[in-house]
N, C-alpha and C. Protein backbone atom coordinates (compact mmCIF):
# COMPACT_ATOMS: atom_id res chain seq x y z
N MET A 1 2.85 4.04 -10.52
CA MET A 1 1.97 3.23 -9.70
C MET A 1 1.02 4.16 -8.94
N ASP A 2 -0.17 3.66 -8.69
CA ASP A 2 -1.10 4.46 -7.91
C ASP A 2 -1.35 3.77 -6.57
N SER A 3 -2.17 4.39 -5.75
CA SER A 3 -2.39 3.87 -4.40
C SER A 3 -2.95 2.44 -4.41
N ASN A 4 -3.76 2.12 -5.41
CA ASN A 4 -4.31 0.77 -5.48
C ASN A 4 -3.23 -0.27 -5.75
N ASP A 5 -2.25 0.09 -6.57
CA ASP A 5 -1.14 -0.82 -6.85
C ASP A 5 -0.31 -1.08 -5.59
N TYR A 6 0.00 -0.01 -4.86
CA TYR A 6 0.77 -0.16 -3.63
C TYR A 6 0.00 -1.01 -2.61
N ARG A 7 -1.30 -0.75 -2.47
CA ARG A 7 -2.13 -1.51 -1.54
C ARG A 7 -2.15 -2.99 -1.92
N ALA A 8 -2.27 -3.25 -3.23
CA ALA A 8 -2.30 -4.64 -3.70
C ALA A 8 -1.01 -5.37 -3.37
N ARG A 9 0.12 -4.68 -3.48
CA ARG A 9 1.40 -5.32 -3.15
C ARG A 9 1.47 -5.65 -1.67
N ALA A 10 1.00 -4.74 -0.83
CA ALA A 10 1.00 -5.00 0.61
C ALA A 10 0.09 -6.19 0.93
N GLU A 11 -1.10 -6.20 0.34
CA GLU A 11 -2.02 -7.30 0.58
C GLU A 11 -1.44 -8.63 0.11
N HIS A 12 -0.81 -8.60 -1.04
CA HIS A 12 -0.23 -9.83 -1.58
C HIS A 12 0.83 -10.41 -0.64
N LEU A 13 1.66 -9.54 -0.11
CA LEU A 13 2.69 -10.02 0.81
C LEU A 13 2.08 -10.68 2.04
N LEU A 14 0.99 -10.13 2.51
CA LEU A 14 0.40 -10.64 3.75
C LEU A 14 -0.52 -11.82 3.54
N THR A 15 -1.02 -11.99 2.33
CA THR A 15 -1.99 -13.07 2.10
C THR A 15 -1.45 -14.20 1.24
N SER A 16 -0.25 -14.05 0.72
CA SER A 16 0.29 -15.09 -0.17
C SER A 16 0.88 -16.27 0.60
N GLN A 17 0.94 -16.17 1.90
CA GLN A 17 1.52 -17.23 2.71
C GLN A 17 0.56 -17.59 3.83
N HIS A 18 0.81 -18.74 4.40
CA HIS A 18 0.05 -19.14 5.58
C HIS A 18 0.38 -18.15 6.70
N PRO A 19 -0.62 -17.70 7.46
CA PRO A 19 -0.35 -16.71 8.51
C PRO A 19 0.78 -17.10 9.47
N LEU A 20 0.95 -18.37 9.73
CA LEU A 20 2.02 -18.78 10.63
C LEU A 20 3.40 -18.69 9.97
N ASP A 21 3.43 -18.55 8.63
CA ASP A 21 4.70 -18.43 7.93
C ASP A 21 5.17 -16.99 7.79
N LEU A 22 4.34 -16.05 8.20
CA LEU A 22 4.75 -14.65 8.11
C LEU A 22 5.92 -14.41 9.07
N ASN A 23 6.87 -13.63 8.60
CA ASN A 23 7.99 -13.29 9.46
C ASN A 23 8.13 -11.77 9.51
N PRO A 24 8.94 -11.26 10.42
CA PRO A 24 9.06 -9.80 10.57
C PRO A 24 9.49 -9.08 9.29
N ASP A 25 10.31 -9.72 8.48
CA ASP A 25 10.75 -9.07 7.23
C ASP A 25 9.59 -8.87 6.27
N ILE A 26 8.74 -9.87 6.15
CA ILE A 26 7.58 -9.76 5.25
C ILE A 26 6.61 -8.70 5.76
N VAL A 27 6.38 -8.71 7.06
CA VAL A 27 5.48 -7.71 7.65
C VAL A 27 6.05 -6.31 7.46
N ALA A 28 7.36 -6.16 7.61
CA ALA A 28 8.00 -4.86 7.41
C ALA A 28 7.86 -4.40 5.96
N GLN A 29 8.05 -5.33 5.01
CA GLN A 29 7.89 -4.97 3.60
C GLN A 29 6.45 -4.55 3.31
N ALA A 30 5.50 -5.27 3.86
CA ALA A 30 4.10 -4.92 3.67
C ALA A 30 3.80 -3.56 4.27
N ALA A 31 4.41 -3.26 5.40
CA ALA A 31 4.19 -1.96 6.04
C ALA A 31 4.70 -0.82 5.15
N VAL A 32 5.82 -1.05 4.51
CA VAL A 32 6.36 -0.02 3.60
C VAL A 32 5.41 0.19 2.43
N TRP A 33 4.92 -0.90 1.84
CA TRP A 33 3.97 -0.76 0.73
C TRP A 33 2.70 -0.05 1.19
N ALA A 34 2.26 -0.35 2.40
CA ALA A 34 1.06 0.30 2.94
C ALA A 34 1.31 1.80 3.14
N GLN A 35 2.49 2.16 3.60
CA GLN A 35 2.82 3.58 3.75
C GLN A 35 2.86 4.27 2.40
N LEU A 36 3.41 3.60 1.41
CA LEU A 36 3.42 4.18 0.06
C LEU A 36 2.00 4.33 -0.47
N ALA A 37 1.14 3.38 -0.18
CA ALA A 37 -0.26 3.46 -0.61
C ALA A 37 -0.93 4.66 0.03
N THR A 38 -0.68 4.88 1.31
CA THR A 38 -1.26 6.03 2.00
C THR A 38 -0.77 7.33 1.41
N ALA A 39 0.52 7.43 1.19
CA ALA A 39 1.09 8.65 0.60
C ALA A 39 0.52 8.90 -0.79
N ALA A 40 0.43 7.86 -1.58
CA ALA A 40 -0.11 8.01 -2.94
C ALA A 40 -1.57 8.42 -2.90
N ALA A 41 -2.34 7.87 -1.96
CA ALA A 41 -3.75 8.24 -1.84
C ALA A 41 -3.90 9.71 -1.47
N ILE A 42 -3.03 10.20 -0.61
CA ILE A 42 -3.07 11.62 -0.23
C ILE A 42 -2.77 12.49 -1.44
N VAL A 43 -1.76 12.12 -2.21
CA VAL A 43 -1.41 12.88 -3.41
C VAL A 43 -2.56 12.85 -4.42
N GLU A 44 -3.13 11.66 -4.61
CA GLU A 44 -4.24 11.53 -5.56
C GLU A 44 -5.43 12.38 -5.14
N ALA A 45 -5.73 12.42 -3.85
CA ALA A 45 -6.84 13.23 -3.36
C ALA A 45 -6.56 14.71 -3.58
N ALA A 46 -5.33 15.12 -3.33
CA ALA A 46 -4.95 16.52 -3.55
C ALA A 46 -5.06 16.89 -5.02
N GLU A 47 -4.65 15.97 -5.89
CA GLU A 47 -4.75 16.24 -7.33
C GLU A 47 -6.20 16.34 -7.77
N ARG A 48 -7.07 15.47 -7.26
CA ARG A 48 -8.49 15.55 -7.59
C ARG A 48 -9.10 16.86 -7.10
N LYS A 49 -8.70 17.27 -5.91
CA LYS A 49 -9.21 18.51 -5.35
C LYS A 49 -8.75 19.70 -6.19
N ALA A 50 -7.49 19.68 -6.63
CA ALA A 50 -6.98 20.78 -7.47
C ALA A 50 -7.68 20.81 -8.83
N GLU A 51 -7.99 19.64 -9.37
CA GLU A 51 -8.67 19.58 -10.65
C GLU A 51 -10.12 20.07 -10.55
N ALA A 52 -10.71 19.90 -9.38
CA ALA A 52 -12.10 20.29 -9.19
C ALA A 52 -12.26 21.80 -9.10
N LYS A 53 -11.19 22.50 -8.83
CA LYS A 53 -11.27 23.97 -8.69
C LYS A 53 -11.37 24.64 -10.03
């Protein structure tokens, strides 16, 4: 999976329900996916930078 996939999962969790139906568990799951997206984006940027050298 790449950063876009992780981001999409986080977005899906937060937008697939009515905002009033969101609960702490769903928000926590989305936060984990968002953290994974950030980590993956950092790795992807480092890989692009290494390839550019």
